[in-house]
Amino acid sequence: MASDDQPVPVFPKPVTLRDVAARAGVSVATASKALNGQGRMTAETR
């Protein structure tokens, strides 16, 4: 148990594929294909 004088460490939430897709403005499938080097897409999307 942590004492009152020491803060409890807070770990950030891991970034998910859904987070990446939302930030890029693409679907989860498109983000997955871009990260894995699969599928055909424009350089702008990639």
PDB file of N, CA and C in Angstrom:
ATOM      1  N   MET A   1       0.843  -1.180   0.000  1.00  0.00           N
ATOM      2  CA  MET A   1       0.000   0.000   0.000  1.00  0.00           C
ATOM      3  C   MET A   1       0.889   1.243   0.000  1.00  0.00           C
ATOM      4  N   ALA A   2       0.572   2.226  -0.786  1.00  0.00           N
ATOM      5  CA  ALA A   2       1.367   3.452  -0.894  1.00  0.00           C
ATOM      6  C   ALA A   2       1.087   4.357   0.300  1.00  0.00           C
ATOM      7  N   SER A   3       2.149   4.989   0.785  1.00  0.00           N
ATOM      8  CA  SER A   3       1.955   5.937   1.883  1.00  0.00           C
ATOM      9  C   SER A   3       1.387   7.241   1.324  1.00  0.00           C
ATOM     10  N   ASP A   4       0.859   8.068   2.216  1.00  0.00           N
ATOM     11  CA  ASP A   4       0.215   9.314   1.790  1.00  0.00           C
ATOM     12  C   ASP A   4       1.181  10.333   1.206  1.00  0.00           C
ATOM     13  N   ASP A   5       2.481  10.226   1.542  1.00  0.00           N
ATOM     14  CA  ASP A   5       3.429  11.226   1.062  1.00  0.00           C
ATOM     15  C   ASP A   5       4.032  10.890  -0.300  1.00  0.00           C
ATOM     16  N   GLN A   6       3.706   9.736  -0.845  1.00  0.00           N
ATOM     17  CA  GLN A   6       4.224   9.358  -2.165  1.00  0.00           C
ATOM     18  C   GLN A   6       3.064   9.204  -3.142  1.00  0.00           C
ATOM     19  N   PRO A   7       3.160   9.882  -4.288  1.00  0.00           N
ATOM     20  CA  PRO A   7       2.064   9.764  -5.268  1.00  0.00           C
ATOM     21  C   PRO A   7       2.027   8.372  -5.892  1.00  0.00           C
ATOM     22  N   VAL A   8       0.852   7.953  -6.227  1.00  0.00           N
ATOM     23  CA  VAL A   8       0.672   6.683  -6.923  1.00  0.00           C
ATOM     24  C   VAL A   8       0.976   6.925  -8.392  1.00  0.00           C
ATOM     25  N   PRO A   9       1.861   6.112  -8.999  1.00  0.00           N
ATOM     26  CA  PRO A   9       2.180   6.348 -10.412  1.00  0.00           C
ATOM     27  C   PRO A   9       0.954   6.147 -11.299  1.00  0.00           C
ATOM     28  N   VAL A  10       0.830   7.016 -12.276  1.00  0.00           N
ATOM     29  CA  VAL A  10      -0.272   6.925 -13.231  1.00  0.00           C
ATOM     30  C   VAL A  10       0.331   6.612 -14.592  1.00  0.00           C
ATOM     31  N   PHE A  11      -0.104   5.525 -15.178  1.00  0.00           N
ATOM     32  CA  PHE A  11       0.409   5.119 -16.479  1.00  0.00           C
ATOM     33  C   PHE A  11      -0.592   5.519 -17.554  1.00  0.00           C
ATOM     34  N   PRO A  12      -0.106   6.136 -18.627  1.00  0.00           N
ATOM     35  CA  PRO A  12      -1.026   6.537 -19.694  1.00  0.00           C
ATOM     36  C   PRO A  12      -1.629   5.320 -20.393  1.00  0.00           C
ATOM     37  N   LYS A  13      -2.808   5.522 -20.925  1.00  0.00           N
ATOM     38  CA  LYS A  13      -3.491   4.463 -21.669  1.00  0.00           C
ATOM     39  C   LYS A  13      -2.716   4.186 -22.951  1.00  0.00           C
ATOM     40  N   PRO A  14      -2.486   2.928 -23.299  1.00  0.00           N
ATOM     41  CA  PRO A  14      -1.788   2.620 -24.551  1.00  0.00           C
ATOM     42  C   PRO A  14      -2.573   3.130 -25.761  1.00  0.00           C
ATOM     43  N   VAL A  15      -1.861   3.532 -26.786  1.00  0.00           N
ATOM     44  CA  VAL A  15      -2.489   3.996 -28.021  1.00  0.00           C
ATOM     45  C   VAL A  15      -2.972   2.779 -28.796  1.00  0.00           C
ATOM     46  N   THR A  16      -4.205   2.831 -29.262  1.00  0.00           N
ATOM     47  CA  THR A  16      -4.777   1.718 -30.014  1.00  0.00           C
ATOM     48  C   THR A  16      -4.817   2.046 -31.507  1.00  0.00           C
ATOM     49  N   LEU A  17      -5.058   1.037 -32.302  1.00  0.00           N
ATOM     50  CA  LEU A  17      -5.213   1.235 -33.741  1.00  0.00           C
ATOM     51  C   LEU A  17      -6.393   2.160 -34.010  1.00  0.00           C
ATOM     52  N   ARG A  18      -7.422   2.044 -33.216  1.00  0.00           N
ATOM     53  CA  ARG A  18      -8.592   2.926 -33.355  1.00  0.00           C
ATOM     54  C   ARG A  18      -8.196   4.383 -33.107  1.00  0.00           C
ATOM     55  N   ASP A  19      -7.325   4.626 -32.119  1.00  0.00           N
ATOM     56  CA  ASP A  19      -6.837   5.985 -31.842  1.00  0.00           C
ATOM     57  C   ASP A  19      -6.060   6.536 -33.034  1.00  0.00           C
ATOM     58  N   VAL A  20      -5.194   5.712 -33.605  1.00  0.00           N
ATOM     59  CA  VAL A  20      -4.379   6.126 -34.755  1.00  0.00           C
ATOM     60  C   VAL A  20      -5.277   6.466 -35.937  1.00  0.00           C
ATOM     61  N   ALA A  21      -6.249   5.596 -36.213  1.00  0.00           N
ATOM     62  CA  ALA A  21      -7.162   5.816 -37.338  1.00  0.00           C
ATOM     63  C   ALA A  21      -7.962   7.102 -37.152  1.00  0.00           C
ATOM     64  N   ALA A  22      -8.466   7.324 -35.955  1.00  0.00           N
ATOM     65  CA  ALA A  22      -9.257   8.531 -35.696  1.00  0.00           C
ATOM     66  C   ALA A  22      -8.401   9.780 -35.875  1.00  0.00           C
ATOM     67  N   ARG A  23      -7.184   9.746 -35.386  1.00  0.00           N
ATOM     68  CA  ARG A  23      -6.287  10.914 -35.504  1.00  0.00           C
ATOM     69  C   ARG A  23      -5.946  11.198 -36.964  1.00  0.00           C
ATOM     70  N   ALA A  24      -5.808  10.120 -37.778  1.00  0.00           N
ATOM     71  CA  ALA A  24      -5.466  10.273 -39.190  1.00  0.00           C
ATOM     72  C   ALA A  24      -6.686  10.553 -40.064  1.00  0.00           C
ATOM     73  N   GLY A  25      -7.875  10.349 -39.519  1.00  0.00           N
ATOM     74  CA  GLY A  25      -9.091  10.583 -40.295  1.00  0.00           C
ATOM     75  C   GLY A  25      -9.368   9.488 -41.309  1.00  0.00           C
ATOM     76  N   VAL A  26      -8.961   8.265 -40.981  1.00  0.00           N
ATOM     77  CA  VAL A  26      -9.195   7.125 -41.871  1.00  0.00           C
ATOM     78  C   VAL A  26      -9.869   6.015 -41.072  1.00  0.00           C
ATOM     79  N   SER A  27     -10.301   4.972 -41.774  1.00  0.00           N
ATOM     80  CA  SER A  27     -10.919   3.842 -41.089  1.00  0.00           C
ATOM     81  C   SER A  27      -9.852   3.002 -40.390  1.00  0.00           C
ATOM     82  N   VAL A  28     -10.296   2.169 -39.459  1.00  0.00           N
ATOM     83  CA  VAL A  28      -9.378   1.266 -38.766  1.00  0.00           C
ATOM     84  C   VAL A  28      -8.731   0.319 -39.774  1.00  0.00           C
ATOM     85  N   ALA A  29      -9.502  -0.145 -40.752  1.00  0.00           N
ATOM     86  CA  ALA A  29      -8.964  -1.051 -41.766  1.00  0.00           C
ATOM     87  C   ALA A  29      -7.863  -0.377 -42.577  1.00  0.00           C
ATOM     88  N   THR A  30      -8.077   0.871 -42.968  1.00  0.00           N
ATOM     89  CA  THR A  30      -7.070   1.604 -43.741  1.00  0.00           C
ATOM     90  C   THR A  30      -5.815   1.832 -42.915  1.00  0.00           C
ATOM     91  N   ALA A  31      -5.974   2.196 -41.658  1.00  0.00           N
ATOM     92  CA  ALA A  31      -4.817   2.402 -40.782  1.00  0.00           C
ATOM     93  C   ALA A  31      -4.031   1.108 -40.630  1.00  0.00           C
ATOM     94  N   SER A  32      -4.723   0.002 -40.468  1.00  0.00           N
ATOM     95  CA  SER A  32      -4.069  -1.298 -40.331  1.00  0.00           C
ATOM     96  C   SER A  32      -3.282  -1.653 -41.585  1.00  0.00           C
ATOM     97  N   LYS A  33      -3.900  -1.468 -42.741  1.00  0.00           N
ATOM     98  CA  LYS A  33      -3.224  -1.775 -44.006  1.00  0.00           C
ATOM     99  C   LYS A  33      -1.996  -0.892 -44.203  1.00  0.00           C
ATOM    100  N   ALA A  34      -2.098   0.381 -43.850  1.00  0.00           N
ATOM    101  CA  ALA A  34      -0.965   1.297 -44.003  1.00  0.00           C
ATOM    102  C   ALA A  34       0.187   0.889 -43.089  1.00  0.00           C
ATOM    103  N   LEU A  35      -0.118   0.543 -41.854  1.00  0.00           N
ATOM    104  CA  LEU A  35       0.921   0.162 -40.899  1.00  0.00           C
ATOM    105  C   LEU A  35       1.581  -1.165 -41.259  1.00  0.00           C
ATOM    106  N   ASN A  36       0.822  -2.051 -41.904  1.00  0.00           N
ATOM    107  CA  ASN A  36       1.353  -3.358 -42.276  1.00  0.00           C
ATOM    108  C   ASN A  36       1.885  -3.411 -43.706  1.00  0.00           C
ATOM    109  N   GLY A  37       1.822  -2.287 -44.420  1.00  0.00           N
ATOM    110  CA  GLY A  37       2.335  -2.242 -45.786  1.00  0.00           C
ATOM    111  C   GLY A  37       1.526  -3.060 -46.767  1.00  0.00           C
ATOM    112  N   GLN A  38       0.244  -3.196 -46.511  1.00  0.00           N
ATOM    113  CA  GLN A  38      -0.623  -3.974 -47.394  1.00  0.00           C
ATOM    114  C   GLN A  38      -1.626  -3.055 -48.069  1.00  0.00           C
ATOM    115  N   GLY A  39      -2.232  -3.557 -49.113  1.00  0.00           N
ATOM    116  CA  GLY A  39      -3.274  -2.797 -49.783  1.00  0.00           C
ATOM    117  C   GLY A  39      -2.724  -1.684 -50.652  1.00  0.00           C
ATOM    118  N   ARG A  40      -3.590  -1.159 -51.482  1.00  0.00           N
ATOM    119  CA  ARG A  40      -3.212  -0.060 -52.373  1.00  0.00           C
ATOM    120  C   ARG A  40      -3.857   1.208 -51.857  1.00  0.00           C
ATOM    121  N   MET A  41      -3.033   2.226 -51.658  1.00  0.00           N
ATOM    122  CA  MET A  41      -3.541   3.521 -51.217  1.00  0.00           C
ATOM    123  C   MET A  41      -2.590   4.600 -51.686  1.00  0.00           C
ATOM    124  N   THR A  42      -3.095   5.798 -51.733  1.00  0.00           N
ATOM    125  CA  THR A  42      -2.254   6.908 -52.179  1.00  0.00           C
ATOM    126  C   THR A  42      -1.174   7.193 -51.137  1.00  0.00           C
ATOM    127  N   ALA A  43      -0.121   7.844 -51.581  1.00  0.00           N
ATOM    128  CA  ALA A  43       0.965   8.214 -50.669  1.00  0.00           C
ATOM    129  C   ALA A  43       0.437   9.140 -49.573  1.00  0.00           C
ATOM    130  N   GLU A  44      -0.527   9.980 -49.929  1.00  0.00           N
ATOM    131  CA  GLU A  44      -1.109  10.895 -48.940  1.00  0.00           C
ATOM    132  C   GLU A  44      -1.787  10.124 -47.808  1.00  0.00           C
ATOM    133  N   THR A  45      -2.518   9.077 -48.152  1.00  0.00           N
ATOM    134  CA  THR A  45      -3.182   8.261 -47.138  1.00  0.00           C
ATOM    135  C   THR A  45      -2.156   7.508 -46.305  1.00  0.00           C
ATOM    136  N   ARG A  46      -1.163   6.966 -46.980  1.00  0.00           N
ATOM    137  CA  ARG A  46      -0.121   6.199 -46.300  1.00  0.00           C
ATOM    138  C   ARG A  46       0.619   7.087 -45.334  1.00  0.00           C
TER     139      ARG A  46
END
